[in-house]
N, C-alpha and C. Protein backbone atom coordinates (compact mmCIF):
# COMPACT_ATOMS: atom_id res chain seq x y z
N MET A 1 156.12 110.16 89.57
CA MET A 1 154.93 109.70 88.95
C MET A 1 154.11 108.80 89.88
N LYS A 2 154.74 108.36 90.96
CA LYS A 2 153.99 107.52 91.87
C LYS A 2 152.94 108.33 92.62
N THR A 3 153.12 109.62 92.74
CA THR A 3 152.16 110.43 93.47
C THR A 3 150.84 110.67 92.70
N LEU A 4 150.91 110.59 91.36
CA LEU A 4 149.68 110.79 90.60
C LEU A 4 148.63 109.77 90.89
N PRO A 5 148.91 108.45 90.94
CA PRO A 5 147.87 107.49 91.29
C PRO A 5 147.34 107.70 92.75
N HIS A 6 148.24 108.09 93.65
CA HIS A 6 147.86 108.37 95.00
C HIS A 6 146.93 109.58 95.08
N ALA A 7 147.21 110.59 94.29
CA ALA A 7 146.40 111.79 94.26
C ALA A 7 145.02 111.48 93.67
N ILE A 8 144.98 110.66 92.63
CA ILE A 8 143.70 110.26 92.03
C ILE A 8 142.90 109.47 93.03
N ALA A 9 143.52 108.54 93.72
CA ALA A 9 142.82 107.69 94.69
C ALA A 9 142.30 108.52 95.81
N ALA A 10 143.08 109.52 96.28
CA ALA A 10 142.60 110.38 97.36
C ALA A 10 141.44 111.23 96.91
N ALA A 11 141.50 111.76 95.67
CA ALA A 11 140.42 112.57 95.16
C ALA A 11 139.10 111.75 95.04
N LEU A 12 139.24 110.51 94.56
CA LEU A 12 138.10 109.63 94.43
C LEU A 12 137.49 109.30 95.83
N ALA A 13 138.34 109.04 96.80
CA ALA A 13 137.88 108.73 98.12
C ALA A 13 137.18 109.96 98.74
N PHE A 14 137.74 111.13 98.51
CA PHE A 14 137.13 112.39 99.06
C PHE A 14 135.79 112.59 98.43
N GLY A 15 135.69 112.40 97.12
CA GLY A 15 134.41 112.56 96.37
C GLY A 15 133.37 111.58 96.84
N ALA A 16 133.79 110.35 97.07
CA ALA A 16 132.86 109.32 97.53
C ALA A 16 132.34 109.67 98.93
N SER A 17 133.22 110.21 99.81
CA SER A 17 132.77 110.56 101.16
C SER A 17 131.77 111.70 101.12
N ILE A 18 131.94 112.63 100.18
CA ILE A 18 130.96 113.71 100.05
C ILE A 18 129.65 113.19 99.56
N ALA A 19 129.67 112.28 98.61
CA ALA A 19 128.46 111.71 98.02
C ALA A 19 127.70 110.91 99.10
N ILE A 20 128.39 110.24 99.93
CA ILE A 20 127.75 109.42 101.00
C ILE A 20 127.17 110.35 102.05
N ALA A 21 127.85 111.44 102.32
CA ALA A 21 127.42 112.32 103.40
C ALA A 21 126.21 113.21 103.00
N GLN A 22 125.84 113.29 101.75
CA GLN A 22 124.74 114.12 101.31
C GLN A 22 123.42 113.55 101.88
N PRO A 23 122.59 114.44 102.45
CA PRO A 23 121.32 113.97 102.96
C PRO A 23 120.40 113.61 101.75
N THR A 24 119.59 112.60 102.00
CA THR A 24 118.67 112.17 100.94
C THR A 24 117.30 112.62 101.35
N ALA A 25 116.47 112.91 100.35
CA ALA A 25 115.09 113.31 100.61
C ALA A 25 114.32 112.12 101.11
N PRO A 26 113.45 112.31 102.14
CA PRO A 26 112.67 111.18 102.64
C PRO A 26 111.70 110.67 101.56
N VAL A 27 111.50 109.41 101.58
CA VAL A 27 110.57 108.75 100.65
C VAL A 27 109.20 108.83 101.30
N THR A 28 108.25 109.42 100.59
CA THR A 28 106.90 109.50 101.12
C THR A 28 105.95 108.70 100.28
N GLN A 29 104.95 108.12 100.91
CA GLN A 29 103.92 107.44 100.23
C GLN A 29 102.98 108.44 99.57
N PRO A 30 102.49 108.19 98.40
CA PRO A 30 101.51 109.10 97.78
C PRO A 30 100.24 109.16 98.55
N GLN A 31 99.66 110.32 98.67
CA GLN A 31 98.40 110.47 99.37
C GLN A 31 97.28 109.99 98.46
N ILE A 32 96.44 109.09 98.94
CA ILE A 32 95.34 108.59 98.15
C ILE A 32 94.05 109.32 98.67
N ASP A 33 93.50 110.10 97.78
CA ASP A 33 92.27 110.82 98.11
C ASP A 33 91.10 110.14 97.47
N PHE A 34 90.15 109.68 98.30
CA PHE A 34 88.97 109.02 97.81
C PHE A 34 87.84 110.06 97.67
N VAL A 35 86.98 109.79 96.76
CA VAL A 35 85.80 110.64 96.59
C VAL A 35 84.91 110.50 97.79
N SER A 36 84.47 111.63 98.28
CA SER A 36 83.59 111.60 99.44
C SER A 36 82.22 111.16 99.08
N GLU A 37 81.94 109.92 99.31
CA GLU A 37 80.64 109.33 98.99
C GLU A 37 80.17 108.51 100.20
N PRO A 38 78.89 108.23 100.24
CA PRO A 38 78.42 107.36 101.32
C PRO A 38 79.05 105.97 101.22
N THR A 39 79.22 105.36 102.36
CA THR A 39 79.82 103.99 102.39
C THR A 39 78.87 103.03 101.73
N ALA A 40 77.57 103.10 102.07
CA ALA A 40 76.60 102.08 101.61
C ALA A 40 75.52 102.76 100.80
N SER A 41 74.92 101.96 99.94
CA SER A 41 73.76 102.37 99.17
C SER A 41 72.87 101.16 98.97
N ALA A 42 71.61 101.42 98.69
CA ALA A 42 70.64 100.33 98.43
C ALA A 42 70.61 100.03 96.96
N ALA A 43 70.44 98.75 96.63
CA ALA A 43 70.28 98.37 95.23
C ALA A 43 68.97 98.93 94.69
N LYS A 44 67.93 98.94 95.53
CA LYS A 44 66.66 99.60 95.23
C LYS A 44 65.96 99.94 96.50
N LEU A 45 65.22 101.01 96.45
CA LEU A 45 64.51 101.50 97.63
C LEU A 45 63.00 101.52 97.44
N ASP A 46 62.46 100.45 96.86
CA ASP A 46 61.01 100.36 96.77
C ASP A 46 60.64 98.91 97.16
N GLY A 47 59.41 98.70 97.34
CA GLY A 47 58.98 97.37 97.74
C GLY A 47 58.78 97.28 99.23
N PRO A 48 58.42 96.12 99.70
CA PRO A 48 58.07 95.94 101.14
C PRO A 48 59.24 96.10 102.09
N ASP A 49 60.46 95.91 101.61
CA ASP A 49 61.66 95.97 102.49
C ASP A 49 62.38 97.35 102.39
N ALA A 50 61.76 98.31 101.75
CA ALA A 50 62.43 99.60 101.53
C ALA A 50 62.92 100.22 102.84
N GLU A 51 62.07 100.33 103.84
CA GLU A 51 62.42 100.98 105.12
C GLU A 51 63.51 100.20 105.84
N PHE A 52 63.39 98.86 105.77
CA PHE A 52 64.38 98.00 106.43
C PHE A 52 65.77 98.22 105.79
N VAL A 53 65.84 98.22 104.43
CA VAL A 53 67.10 98.38 103.72
C VAL A 53 67.64 99.78 104.00
N LYS A 54 66.77 100.78 104.05
CA LYS A 54 67.20 102.16 104.31
C LYS A 54 67.85 102.24 105.72
N SER A 55 67.32 101.57 106.70
CA SER A 55 67.90 101.60 108.06
C SER A 55 69.24 100.90 108.09
N ILE A 56 69.40 99.86 107.33
CA ILE A 56 70.70 99.18 107.27
C ILE A 56 71.72 100.08 106.61
N VAL A 57 71.36 100.69 105.49
CA VAL A 57 72.26 101.61 104.81
C VAL A 57 72.70 102.75 105.75
N GLU A 58 71.78 103.31 106.52
CA GLU A 58 72.09 104.37 107.42
C GLU A 58 73.04 103.88 108.51
N SER A 59 72.88 102.67 109.00
CA SER A 59 73.75 102.09 110.02
C SER A 59 75.18 101.92 109.48
N LEU A 60 75.30 101.41 108.25
CA LEU A 60 76.60 101.26 107.67
C LEU A 60 77.28 102.61 107.41
N ASN A 61 76.51 103.57 106.94
CA ASN A 61 77.08 104.93 106.69
C ASN A 61 77.52 105.62 107.98
N ALA A 62 76.90 105.27 109.10
CA ALA A 62 77.25 105.89 110.38
C ALA A 62 78.51 105.27 111.04
N GLU A 63 78.99 104.18 110.53
CA GLU A 63 80.15 103.49 111.11
C GLU A 63 81.44 104.06 110.58
N PRO A 64 82.26 104.76 111.41
CA PRO A 64 83.47 105.42 110.94
C PRO A 64 84.55 104.40 110.44
N SER A 65 84.56 103.24 110.96
CA SER A 65 85.60 102.27 110.54
C SER A 65 85.37 101.75 109.10
N LEU A 66 84.20 102.06 108.54
CA LEU A 66 83.91 101.64 107.15
C LEU A 66 84.21 102.69 106.11
N LYS A 67 84.92 103.74 106.54
CA LYS A 67 85.27 104.83 105.60
C LYS A 67 86.07 104.22 104.45
N ASN A 68 85.86 104.77 103.28
CA ASN A 68 86.57 104.35 102.03
C ASN A 68 86.19 102.98 101.56
N THR A 69 85.00 102.56 101.91
CA THR A 69 84.46 101.27 101.40
C THR A 69 83.24 101.61 100.53
N LYS A 70 82.87 100.63 99.74
CA LYS A 70 81.66 100.79 98.92
C LYS A 70 80.84 99.53 99.03
N ILE A 71 79.69 99.65 99.66
CA ILE A 71 78.83 98.46 99.94
C ILE A 71 77.45 98.70 99.39
N THR A 72 76.87 97.68 98.77
CA THR A 72 75.49 97.73 98.28
C THR A 72 74.67 96.74 99.08
N VAL A 73 73.50 97.19 99.49
CA VAL A 73 72.57 96.40 100.30
C VAL A 73 71.34 96.08 99.48
N GLN A 74 70.96 94.81 99.49
CA GLN A 74 69.66 94.43 98.85
C GLN A 74 69.09 93.26 99.61
N THR A 75 67.81 93.07 99.41
CA THR A 75 67.15 91.90 100.06
C THR A 75 66.63 90.96 99.00
N GLU A 76 66.55 89.68 99.38
CA GLU A 76 65.92 88.67 98.51
C GLU A 76 64.44 88.68 98.88
N GLN A 77 63.59 88.79 97.91
CA GLN A 77 62.14 88.84 98.15
C GLN A 77 61.61 87.53 98.74
N ASP A 78 62.10 86.40 98.21
CA ASP A 78 61.52 85.13 98.65
C ASP A 78 62.03 84.66 100.03
N THR A 79 63.31 84.98 100.37
CA THR A 79 63.82 84.54 101.65
C THR A 79 63.95 85.60 102.72
N GLY A 80 63.96 86.87 102.28
CA GLY A 80 64.17 87.94 103.24
C GLY A 80 65.60 88.13 103.64
N ASN A 81 66.52 87.36 103.07
CA ASN A 81 67.93 87.53 103.36
C ASN A 81 68.45 88.86 102.87
N VAL A 82 69.42 89.42 103.60
CA VAL A 82 70.05 90.66 103.22
C VAL A 82 71.35 90.26 102.53
N ILE A 83 71.57 90.79 101.32
CA ILE A 83 72.79 90.50 100.58
C ILE A 83 73.63 91.75 100.52
N LEU A 84 74.89 91.58 100.97
CA LEU A 84 75.90 92.64 100.92
C LEU A 84 76.89 92.36 99.87
N THR A 85 77.08 93.32 98.99
CA THR A 85 78.12 93.23 97.93
C THR A 85 78.94 94.53 97.97
N GLY A 86 80.07 94.50 97.30
CA GLY A 86 80.91 95.66 97.22
C GLY A 86 82.34 95.37 97.55
N ALA A 87 83.06 96.41 97.96
CA ALA A 87 84.50 96.27 98.24
C ALA A 87 84.93 97.09 99.48
N THR A 88 85.83 96.48 100.22
CA THR A 88 86.40 97.16 101.37
C THR A 88 87.92 97.21 101.22
N MET A 89 88.55 98.01 102.05
CA MET A 89 90.01 98.07 102.02
C MET A 89 90.64 96.88 102.75
N THR A 90 89.98 96.41 103.80
CA THR A 90 90.52 95.30 104.63
C THR A 90 89.45 94.25 104.87
N PRO A 91 89.88 93.02 105.20
CA PRO A 91 88.92 91.99 105.61
C PRO A 91 88.16 92.37 106.87
N ASP A 92 88.78 93.09 107.78
CA ASP A 92 88.12 93.51 109.04
C ASP A 92 86.93 94.43 108.72
N GLN A 93 87.03 95.24 107.72
CA GLN A 93 85.93 96.14 107.36
C GLN A 93 84.76 95.28 106.78
N ALA A 94 85.06 94.29 105.99
CA ALA A 94 83.99 93.46 105.46
C ALA A 94 83.31 92.71 106.61
N LYS A 95 84.09 92.23 107.57
CA LYS A 95 83.51 91.53 108.73
C LYS A 95 82.64 92.48 109.57
N LYS A 96 83.14 93.69 109.79
CA LYS A 96 82.40 94.67 110.57
C LYS A 96 81.07 95.02 109.93
N ALA A 97 81.05 95.17 108.61
CA ALA A 97 79.80 95.44 107.88
C ALA A 97 78.82 94.28 108.07
N GLY A 98 79.30 93.06 108.01
CA GLY A 98 78.45 91.89 108.24
C GLY A 98 77.89 91.87 109.64
N GLU A 99 78.69 92.24 110.61
CA GLU A 99 78.23 92.27 112.01
C GLU A 99 77.14 93.31 112.25
N ILE A 100 77.30 94.48 111.61
CA ILE A 100 76.33 95.54 111.76
C ILE A 100 75.02 95.07 111.18
N VAL A 101 75.04 94.49 110.02
CA VAL A 101 73.78 94.06 109.36
C VAL A 101 73.16 92.89 110.05
N THR A 102 73.99 91.95 110.59
CA THR A 102 73.47 90.82 111.32
C THR A 102 72.75 91.29 112.57
N ALA A 103 73.25 92.34 113.22
CA ALA A 103 72.59 92.88 114.41
C ALA A 103 71.16 93.37 114.08
N GLN A 104 70.93 93.79 112.86
CA GLN A 104 69.61 94.28 112.48
C GLN A 104 68.76 93.15 111.83
N ALA A 105 69.38 92.33 111.04
CA ALA A 105 68.59 91.34 110.26
C ALA A 105 68.42 90.04 111.00
N GLY A 106 69.37 89.72 111.87
CA GLY A 106 69.30 88.47 112.60
C GLY A 106 70.31 87.44 112.05
N ALA A 107 70.73 86.57 112.91
CA ALA A 107 71.69 85.51 112.49
C ALA A 107 71.11 84.64 111.42
N GLY A 108 71.92 84.30 110.42
CA GLY A 108 71.50 83.41 109.36
C GLY A 108 70.72 84.15 108.30
N LYS A 109 70.56 85.46 108.37
CA LYS A 109 69.79 86.21 107.40
C LYS A 109 70.66 87.13 106.55
N VAL A 110 72.00 87.05 106.72
CA VAL A 110 72.89 87.95 105.98
C VAL A 110 73.85 87.11 105.08
N VAL A 111 73.88 87.49 103.82
CA VAL A 111 74.84 86.91 102.88
C VAL A 111 75.89 88.00 102.61
N ASN A 112 77.10 87.81 103.17
CA ASN A 112 78.14 88.79 103.05
C ASN A 112 79.06 88.40 101.90
N ALA A 113 78.82 89.07 100.75
CA ALA A 113 79.65 88.81 99.56
C ALA A 113 80.58 89.97 99.27
N ILE A 114 80.91 90.72 100.30
CA ILE A 114 81.83 91.86 100.15
C ILE A 114 83.24 91.37 99.90
N GLN A 115 83.93 91.95 98.93
CA GLN A 115 85.29 91.59 98.60
C GLN A 115 86.26 92.57 99.23
N SER A 116 87.36 92.11 99.73
CA SER A 116 88.41 92.98 100.31
C SER A 116 89.47 93.22 99.29
N ASP A 117 89.95 94.48 99.19
CA ASP A 117 91.07 94.79 98.28
C ASP A 117 92.40 94.44 98.88
N TRP A 118 92.42 94.04 100.14
CA TRP A 118 93.65 93.76 100.85
C TRP A 118 94.18 92.41 100.36
N HIS A 119 95.50 92.30 100.24
CA HIS A 119 96.16 91.07 99.86
C HIS A 119 97.24 90.77 100.87
N PRO A 120 97.49 89.50 101.20
CA PRO A 120 98.50 89.17 102.21
C PRO A 120 99.88 89.75 101.91
N SER A 121 100.20 90.02 100.64
CA SER A 121 101.50 90.62 100.35
C SER A 121 101.63 92.03 100.84
N GLN A 122 100.51 92.67 101.21
CA GLN A 122 100.54 94.02 101.74
C GLN A 122 100.78 94.04 103.26
N ALA A 123 100.84 92.91 103.86
CA ALA A 123 101.06 92.82 105.29
C ALA A 123 102.47 93.30 105.69
N LEU A 124 102.52 93.95 106.82
CA LEU A 124 103.83 94.41 107.30
C LEU A 124 104.63 93.17 107.77
N PRO A 125 105.92 93.19 107.63
CA PRO A 125 106.71 92.05 108.16
C PRO A 125 106.57 91.92 109.67
N ALA A 126 106.64 90.70 110.11
CA ALA A 126 106.50 90.45 111.55
C ALA A 126 107.75 91.08 112.24
N PRO A 127 107.53 91.64 113.45
CA PRO A 127 108.66 92.22 114.16
C PRO A 127 109.65 91.16 114.58
N THR A 128 110.92 91.52 114.61
CA THR A 128 111.95 90.58 115.01
C THR A 128 112.43 90.92 116.40
N ALA A 129 112.91 89.93 117.11
CA ALA A 129 113.42 90.20 118.50
C ALA A 129 114.75 90.90 118.41
N GLN A 130 114.88 91.95 119.22
CA GLN A 130 116.15 92.70 119.24
C GLN A 130 116.91 92.19 120.47
N GLY A 131 118.11 91.86 120.26
CA GLY A 131 118.89 91.28 121.41
C GLY A 131 120.01 92.09 121.89
């Protein structure tokens, strides 16, 4: 009767080794497909600043690093400031949009109110030293 517990233990160990040796399917991130739309649009395209706003929108739409963002461009009639609103995937994209518009509108003339969807919890962990 002593061999029965040994046989059961051996069978369990053999089964566990098979379970451990089975290859696992790789975990893949789901593909996120965004609707193909222009990056930027104008809040309105009439009035004295229509051509200026249109040129800013075209500049933003031409920038490949702003893909998958949604930015609205408008001007303040009394100050001439350009107001940017909308959402980007990263803070760098929001900054880049502001830089593009500042190059056209001039320093101090851009109000960048673009929100980033990025959150610090999405950051990759810092690399560790391998010794």
